[in-house]
Amino acid sequence: MTNRILGWDLLRGLCALAVGGYHLLMWLEIGHFHAVGSYGVYLFFVLSGASLMYTYGTQLERKGFDFKKFLLMRYLRLAPLYVVLMLLVLPWKIVKEGPTLALLKKFLLNGFFIFGFFDPAANSMLVGGWSLGIEAIYYLLFPLLGFWVLRNNWFFLAFFLSVLIQFWWITEKIGSPGGYQDNIVALHQSQAFVAYFFGGCFLGYLRYKETEPLLSNRVIGLLVVCGFFAIAALSPEKAGDELLGVRGVAGFCVCFFLVWIIGGMKLQNKFAKTAEFLGDATYGLYLIHPVVFFGVVWVIFPKMGWADPILWTQGSRLGLVFLILIIAAVLALLSEKFFEKPIRNKAKLLLNK
């Protein structure tokens, strides 16, 4: 069985573009699409759980799951590019924060992906890195979550409890004095997203048990487009409100709907190649676009004597958004092909000897 579902690759790539676009539009003061930014990241958690269970479900069923090998391969999936980018931004961090022991601690916590236990939104070295610290916690929990998925009665009870914990945590933090803005660090903890990852594991289990798609690609494509429009429509004026009330329930459900429905796509030829490219670019695009943006705006433009892009016309700012995304995507593909993937392949060869 292949461990790659092209529909999920396509969705990953679209989410990376959506999150990148959300950041750039916000930083350039073009628009604030809070639901796109939030649920674009939360979809990654669902996709991660689904992909892992789809890949390792058989091993868990047959009790042949090698936890140490699993953790090593997951680390090698995340670490190479992350560490390189950390080193790239380290001089700026030293200038901003000083060469302190606190910065050294932060660097080490990030390098070993254990910062998810220590306020990841405050201790991430990279923009968006908080989600990877939380992801690493879910890797540690994966065998236990997989065990519950394989026992349906246990799963539904455990999933229900995880949903309660998640919604309680979100409403408790956003409903605190100061709201979302003053409680971002407290909100972004592993318990705020556990139901996304856990539910994704169940979708992955169902997907690898399914043999034939239920719908045609055309119908699936139309439903996926509707799903993205639904998420965009959930964007409120005030950040954080997309996670509460009807918006929160609707966004939560749409995330699972999108992962399930697009997983049934059977892509071929150029469509398959496009999905593969988007899948390969996802991780790098997610991490690289902030580095490219701030490098261009804070370093390159000032040296060229150009004005702050905030002062540009809206059309010029939109052009910069597309340019940054293209540059980040190209760099992501190059990194995956010539740097990250060779490291993983070498590790697989060594582990299988």
Protein backbone atom coordinates (compact mmCIF):
# COMPACT_ATOMS: atom_id res chain seq x y z
CA MET A 1 0.00 0.00 0.00
CA THR A 2 1.29 3.45 -0.84
CA ASN A 3 1.38 5.89 2.03
CA ARG A 4 0.52 8.80 -0.23
CA ILE A 5 -3.01 9.94 -1.01
CA LEU A 6 -2.85 12.58 -3.71
CA GLY A 7 -6.07 14.26 -2.61
CA TRP A 8 -4.50 14.89 0.78
CA ASP A 9 -1.35 16.22 -0.90
CA LEU A 10 -3.52 18.61 -2.86
CA LEU A 11 -5.32 19.76 0.27
CA ARG A 12 -2.03 20.22 2.14
CA GLY A 13 -0.70 22.43 -0.61
CA LEU A 14 -3.89 24.49 -0.75
CA CYS A 15 -3.77 24.95 3.03
CA ALA A 16 -0.13 26.06 2.89
CA LEU A 17 -1.01 28.61 0.20
CA ALA A 18 -4.02 29.75 2.23
CA VAL A 19 -1.99 30.21 5.42
CA GLY A 20 0.82 31.93 3.53
CA GLY A 21 -1.65 34.21 1.80
CA TYR A 22 -3.36 34.97 5.11
CA HIS A 23 -0.06 36.00 6.71
CA LEU A 24 1.09 38.13 3.79
CA LEU A 25 -2.25 39.89 3.36
CA MET A 26 -2.28 40.66 7.08
CA TRP A 27 1.36 41.84 7.25
CA LEU A 28 0.86 44.08 4.22
CA GLU A 29 -2.41 45.41 5.69
CA ILE A 30 -4.51 44.30 2.73
CA GLY A 31 -7.03 42.25 4.68
CA HIS A 32 -7.58 40.03 7.70
CA PHE A 33 -9.12 36.63 6.98
CA HIS A 34 -8.96 35.10 10.45
CA ALA A 35 -10.86 31.89 9.73
CA VAL A 36 -8.61 31.08 6.76
CA GLY A 37 -5.51 31.46 8.92
CA SER A 38 -6.91 29.46 11.83
CA TYR A 39 -8.58 26.57 10.03
CA GLY A 40 -5.85 26.43 7.39
CA VAL A 41 -3.49 25.37 10.19
CA TYR A 42 -6.02 23.18 11.99
CA LEU A 43 -6.53 21.23 8.78
CA PHE A 44 -2.84 20.29 8.98
CA PHE A 45 -3.53 18.52 12.28
CA VAL A 46 -6.41 16.52 10.77
CA LEU A 47 -4.29 15.66 7.72
CA SER A 48 -1.36 14.64 9.89
CA GLY A 49 -3.43 12.25 11.98
CA ALA A 50 -5.11 10.82 8.87
CA SER A 51 -1.83 10.31 7.00
CA LEU A 52 -0.12 8.64 9.95
CA MET A 53 -3.00 6.24 10.61
CA TYR A 54 -3.31 5.46 6.91
CA THR A 55 0.40 4.65 6.79
CA TYR A 56 0.88 2.87 10.11
CA GLY A 57 -2.58 1.42 10.73
CA THR A 58 -1.62 -2.02 9.46
CA GLN A 59 1.47 -2.11 11.66
CA LEU A 60 -0.60 -1.16 14.70
CA GLU A 61 -3.17 -3.85 13.89
CA ARG A 62 -0.49 -6.50 13.52
CA LYS A 63 1.42 -5.22 16.56
CA GLY A 64 4.48 -4.61 14.41
CA PHE A 65 4.73 -0.90 15.09
CA ASP A 66 8.30 0.26 15.80
CA PHE A 67 7.86 3.35 17.95
CA LYS A 68 11.55 4.34 18.03
CA LYS A 69 11.85 4.12 14.26
CA PHE A 70 8.62 6.06 13.89
CA LEU A 71 9.84 8.90 16.11
CA LEU A 72 13.21 9.05 14.34
CA MET A 73 11.59 9.28 10.90
CA ARG A 74 9.14 11.93 12.07
CA TYR A 75 12.00 13.93 13.54
CA LEU A 76 13.90 13.71 10.26
CA ARG A 77 10.78 14.87 8.47
CA LEU A 78 10.59 18.04 10.53
CA ALA A 79 14.11 18.85 11.70
CA PRO A 80 16.42 19.38 8.69
CA LEU A 81 14.68 22.39 7.16
CA TYR A 82 13.56 23.73 10.53
CA VAL A 83 17.11 23.74 11.93
CA VAL A 84 18.51 25.39 8.80
CA LEU A 85 15.92 28.16 9.00
CA MET A 86 16.57 28.58 12.73
CA LEU A 87 20.26 29.10 11.99
CA LEU A 88 19.34 31.57 9.26
CA VAL A 89 17.26 33.75 11.61
CA LEU A 90 19.53 33.27 14.63
CA PRO A 91 21.64 36.41 13.99
CA TRP A 92 18.47 38.52 13.95
CA LYS A 93 17.28 36.81 17.15
CA ILE A 94 20.60 37.57 18.83
CA VAL A 95 20.36 41.23 17.85
CA LYS A 96 16.77 41.43 19.07
CA GLU A 97 16.97 39.32 22.24
CA GLY A 98 20.70 39.34 22.96
CA PRO A 99 23.07 36.32 23.26
CA THR A 100 21.33 35.07 26.37
CA LEU A 101 20.90 31.68 28.01
CA ALA A 102 17.17 32.06 27.42
CA LEU A 103 17.77 32.23 23.66
CA LEU A 104 20.07 29.21 23.83
CA LYS A 105 17.38 27.31 25.74
CA LYS A 106 14.78 28.31 23.15
CA PHE A 107 17.06 27.17 20.34
CA LEU A 108 17.63 23.75 21.95
CA LEU A 109 13.94 23.28 22.73
CA ASN A 110 13.16 23.96 19.08
CA GLY A 111 15.99 21.81 17.77
CA PHE A 112 14.69 18.75 19.61
CA PHE A 113 11.01 19.65 19.05
CA ILE A 114 10.13 19.57 22.73
CA PHE A 115 9.07 23.22 22.87
CA GLY A 116 5.48 22.08 22.47
CA PHE A 117 5.52 21.43 26.23
CA PHE A 118 6.71 24.97 26.99
CA ASP A 119 4.24 27.52 25.58
CA PRO A 120 4.99 26.83 21.89
CA ALA A 121 3.50 30.13 20.70
CA ALA A 122 6.04 32.00 22.85
CA ASN A 123 9.04 29.71 22.38
CA SER A 124 8.91 28.95 18.66
CA MET A 125 11.96 30.22 16.78
CA LEU A 126 9.98 30.52 13.52
CA VAL A 127 6.64 32.01 12.56
CA GLY A 128 4.13 29.17 12.55
CA GLY A 129 6.56 26.87 14.32
CA TRP A 130 4.25 26.58 17.32
CA SER A 131 2.15 24.03 15.42
CA LEU A 132 5.17 21.77 14.95
CA GLY A 133 5.91 21.72 18.66
CA ILE A 134 2.34 20.60 19.26
CA GLU A 135 2.58 18.13 16.38
CA ALA A 136 5.58 16.50 18.09
CA ILE A 137 3.45 15.91 21.20
CA TYR A 138 0.85 14.14 19.07
CA TYR A 139 3.60 11.92 17.65
CA LEU A 140 4.32 10.76 21.19
CA LEU A 141 0.62 10.06 21.70
CA PHE A 142 0.07 8.41 18.33
CA PRO A 143 0.38 4.73 19.42
CA LEU A 144 -2.17 5.31 22.19
CA LEU A 145 -4.54 7.21 19.90
CA GLY A 146 -4.12 4.52 17.24
CA PHE A 147 -4.98 1.87 19.83
CA TRP A 148 -8.27 3.65 20.56
CA VAL A 149 -9.05 4.07 16.86
CA LEU A 150 -8.68 0.33 16.27
CA ARG A 151 -11.24 -0.30 19.02
CA ASN A 152 -14.28 1.57 17.77
CA ASN A 153 -16.21 1.72 21.03
CA TRP A 154 -13.21 3.11 22.87
CA PHE A 155 -12.55 5.59 20.07
CA PHE A 156 -15.94 7.27 20.11
CA LEU A 157 -15.80 7.75 23.88
CA ALA A 158 -12.21 9.02 23.79
CA PHE A 159 -12.92 11.29 20.82
CA PHE A 160 -15.99 12.75 22.53
CA LEU A 161 -13.87 13.55 25.59
CA SER A 162 -11.16 15.12 23.41
CA VAL A 163 -13.77 17.32 21.73
CA LEU A 164 -15.07 18.46 25.12
CA ILE A 165 -11.55 19.24 26.33
CA GLN A 166 -10.70 21.11 23.15
CA PHE A 167 -13.83 23.26 23.08
CA TRP A 168 -13.62 23.93 26.80
CA TRP A 169 -10.00 25.05 26.50
CA ILE A 170 -10.70 27.33 23.54
CA THR A 171 -13.75 29.01 25.06
CA GLU A 172 -12.06 29.30 28.47
CA LYS A 173 -9.00 31.08 27.05
CA ILE A 174 -10.71 33.31 24.51
CA GLY A 175 -13.43 34.09 27.03
CA SER A 176 -10.87 35.20 29.62
CA PRO A 177 -10.28 38.90 30.32
CA GLY A 178 -8.37 40.35 27.41
CA GLY A 179 -9.88 37.90 24.94
CA TYR A 180 -7.94 36.31 22.11
CA GLN A 181 -5.16 38.89 21.79
CA ASP A 182 -4.06 38.68 25.43
CA ASN A 183 -4.37 34.90 25.61
CA ILE A 184 -2.71 33.73 22.38
CA VAL A 185 0.12 31.98 24.23
CA ALA A 186 -2.22 30.31 26.71
CA LEU A 187 -4.59 29.23 23.94
CA HIS A 188 -2.02 27.57 21.69
CA GLN A 189 -1.41 24.37 23.64
CA SER A 190 -1.78 20.74 22.59
CA GLN A 191 -5.19 20.36 24.24
CA ALA A 192 -6.61 23.07 21.96
CA PHE A 193 -6.20 20.91 18.84
CA VAL A 194 -6.13 17.30 20.04
CA ALA A 195 -9.57 16.46 18.63
CA TYR A 196 -8.41 17.52 15.16
CA PHE A 197 -5.45 15.14 15.20
CA PHE A 198 -7.36 12.33 16.94
CA GLY A 199 -10.31 12.60 14.56
CA GLY A 200 -7.87 12.67 11.65
CA CYS A 201 -6.49 9.33 12.82
CA PHE A 202 -9.96 7.84 12.54
CA LEU A 203 -10.41 9.25 9.02
CA GLY A 204 -7.08 7.72 8.02
CA TYR A 205 -8.18 4.35 9.36
CA LEU A 206 -11.44 4.53 7.41
CA ARG A 207 -9.63 5.63 4.26
CA TYR A 208 -7.19 2.74 4.19
CA LYS A 209 -10.11 0.32 4.70
CA GLU A 210 -11.99 1.81 1.73
CA THR A 211 -11.38 0.33 -1.72
CA GLU A 212 -13.40 2.52 -4.10
CA PRO A 213 -14.20 6.26 -4.07
CA LEU A 214 -17.80 7.12 -3.34
CA LEU A 215 -18.02 10.17 -5.61
CA SER A 216 -16.56 11.37 -8.90
CA ASN A 217 -13.59 13.75 -8.95
CA ARG A 218 -15.79 16.50 -10.36
CA VAL A 219 -18.28 16.27 -7.49
CA ILE A 220 -15.47 16.06 -4.93
CA GLY A 221 -13.78 19.11 -6.44
CA LEU A 222 -17.00 21.10 -6.26
CA LEU A 223 -17.52 20.10 -2.61
CA VAL A 224 -13.94 21.05 -1.74
CA VAL A 225 -14.39 24.49 -3.31
CA CYS A 226 -17.60 24.92 -1.32
CA GLY A 227 -15.73 23.89 1.82
CA PHE A 228 -13.07 26.56 1.33
CA PHE A 229 -15.71 29.19 0.64
CA ALA A 230 -17.47 28.12 3.84
CA ILE A 231 -14.26 28.61 5.84
CA ALA A 232 -13.68 32.02 4.26
CA ALA A 233 -17.25 32.98 5.10
CA LEU A 234 -16.63 32.19 8.78
CA SER A 235 -14.06 34.99 9.09
CA PRO A 236 -15.20 37.49 11.73
CA GLU A 237 -14.14 41.06 12.24
CA LYS A 238 -12.43 40.23 15.53
CA ALA A 239 -9.66 37.61 15.64
CA GLY A 240 -10.58 34.55 17.69
CA ASP A 241 -14.33 34.79 17.15
CA GLU A 242 -14.03 32.25 14.33
CA LEU A 243 -13.35 29.63 17.04
CA LEU A 244 -16.44 30.33 19.13
CA GLY A 245 -20.12 29.48 18.91
CA VAL A 246 -21.65 28.49 15.60
CA ARG A 247 -18.51 29.55 13.73
CA GLY A 248 -16.38 27.27 15.87
CA VAL A 249 -18.64 24.25 15.40
CA ALA A 250 -18.99 24.86 11.66
CA GLY A 251 -15.23 25.31 11.14
CA PHE A 252 -14.51 22.16 13.13
CA CYS A 253 -16.93 20.11 11.02
CA VAL A 254 -15.77 21.57 7.69
CA CYS A 255 -12.16 20.56 8.46
CA PHE A 256 -13.11 16.90 8.83
CA PHE A 257 -15.43 17.06 5.84
CA LEU A 258 -12.66 18.41 3.58
CA VAL A 259 -10.12 15.80 4.65
CA TRP A 260 -12.57 12.96 4.23
CA ILE A 261 -14.05 14.02 0.90
CA ILE A 262 -10.81 14.95 -0.87
CA GLY A 263 -9.18 11.72 0.28
CA GLY A 264 -11.43 9.91 -2.20
CA MET A 265 -10.03 11.71 -5.24
CA LYS A 266 -8.32 9.52 -7.83
CA LEU A 267 -5.92 11.83 -9.63
CA GLN A 268 -3.94 10.90 -12.73
CA ASN A 269 -1.45 12.40 -15.18
CA LYS A 270 -0.93 16.16 -14.83
CA PHE A 271 -3.41 16.42 -11.97
CA ALA A 272 -1.49 13.81 -10.02
CA LYS A 273 1.76 15.62 -10.73
CA THR A 274 0.28 18.91 -9.54
CA ALA A 275 -0.90 17.29 -6.31
CA GLU A 276 2.55 15.78 -5.76
CA PHE A 277 4.22 19.16 -6.28
CA LEU A 278 1.85 20.83 -3.85
CA GLY A 279 2.36 18.05 -1.31
CA ASP A 280 6.13 18.28 -1.63
CA ALA A 281 6.07 22.07 -1.26
CA THR A 282 3.71 22.18 1.72
CA TYR A 283 6.12 21.97 4.65
CA GLY A 284 8.74 24.23 3.14
CA LEU A 285 6.20 26.77 1.94
CA TYR A 286 4.68 26.94 5.42
CA LEU A 287 8.05 27.63 7.07
CA ILE A 288 9.87 29.57 4.37
CA HIS A 289 7.35 32.25 3.36
CA PRO A 290 7.78 34.33 6.58
CA VAL A 291 11.58 34.16 6.30
CA VAL A 292 11.45 35.30 2.67
CA PHE A 293 8.97 38.07 3.41
CA PHE A 294 10.80 39.61 6.36
CA GLY A 295 14.15 39.11 4.67
CA VAL A 296 12.93 41.02 1.63
CA VAL A 297 11.06 43.75 3.54
CA TRP A 298 13.51 44.28 6.41
CA VAL A 299 16.83 43.65 4.65
CA ILE A 300 16.72 43.80 0.85
CA PHE A 301 14.27 46.67 0.29
CA PRO A 302 15.97 49.05 2.75
CA LYS A 303 19.37 48.39 1.13
CA MET A 304 17.85 49.17 -2.25
CA GLY A 305 16.33 52.38 -0.89
CA TRP A 306 12.78 51.24 -1.57
CA ALA A 307 9.85 52.46 0.51
CA ASP A 308 8.11 50.30 3.09
CA PRO A 309 5.67 48.07 1.12
CA ILE A 310 2.88 49.19 3.46
CA LEU A 311 3.05 52.51 1.60
CA TRP A 312 2.69 50.89 -1.82
CA THR A 313 -0.54 50.77 -3.78
CA GLN A 314 -2.81 47.84 -3.08
CA GLY A 315 -2.12 46.36 -6.51
CA SER A 316 1.63 46.48 -5.89
CA ARG A 317 1.19 44.86 -2.48
CA LEU A 318 -0.91 42.08 -3.99
CA GLY A 319 1.82 41.54 -6.56
CA LEU A 320 4.33 41.22 -3.73
CA VAL A 321 2.11 38.62 -2.07
CA PHE A 322 2.12 36.45 -5.20
CA LEU A 323 5.87 36.96 -5.70
CA ILE A 324 6.71 35.92 -2.13
CA LEU A 325 4.51 32.82 -2.40
CA ILE A 326 6.13 31.82 -5.69
CA ILE A 327 9.66 32.29 -4.33
CA ALA A 328 8.80 30.37 -1.16
CA ALA A 329 7.21 27.53 -3.15
CA VAL A 330 10.25 27.21 -5.44
CA LEU A 331 12.63 27.19 -2.48
CA ALA A 332 10.41 24.63 -0.75
CA LEU A 333 10.49 22.28 -3.75
CA LEU A 334 14.25 22.61 -4.09
CA SER A 335 14.72 21.94 -0.40
CA GLU A 336 12.49 18.87 -0.49
CA LYS A 337 14.15 17.38 -3.58
CA PHE A 338 17.81 18.09 -2.89
CA PHE A 339 18.01 18.36 0.89
CA GLU A 340 15.14 16.96 2.98
CA LYS A 341 14.14 13.91 0.95
CA PRO A 342 17.73 12.61 0.48
CA ILE A 343 18.20 12.75 4.27
CA ARG A 344 15.02 10.76 4.86
CA ASN A 345 15.88 8.21 2.16
CA LYS A 346 19.34 7.69 3.61
CA ALA A 347 17.86 7.20 7.06
CA LYS A 348 15.36 4.64 5.73
CA LEU A 349 18.15 2.66 4.09
CA LEU A 350 20.17 2.61 7.29
CA LEU A 351 17.18 1.63 9.43
CA ASN A 352 16.16 -1.18 7.09
CA LYS A 353 19.60 -2.81 7.03
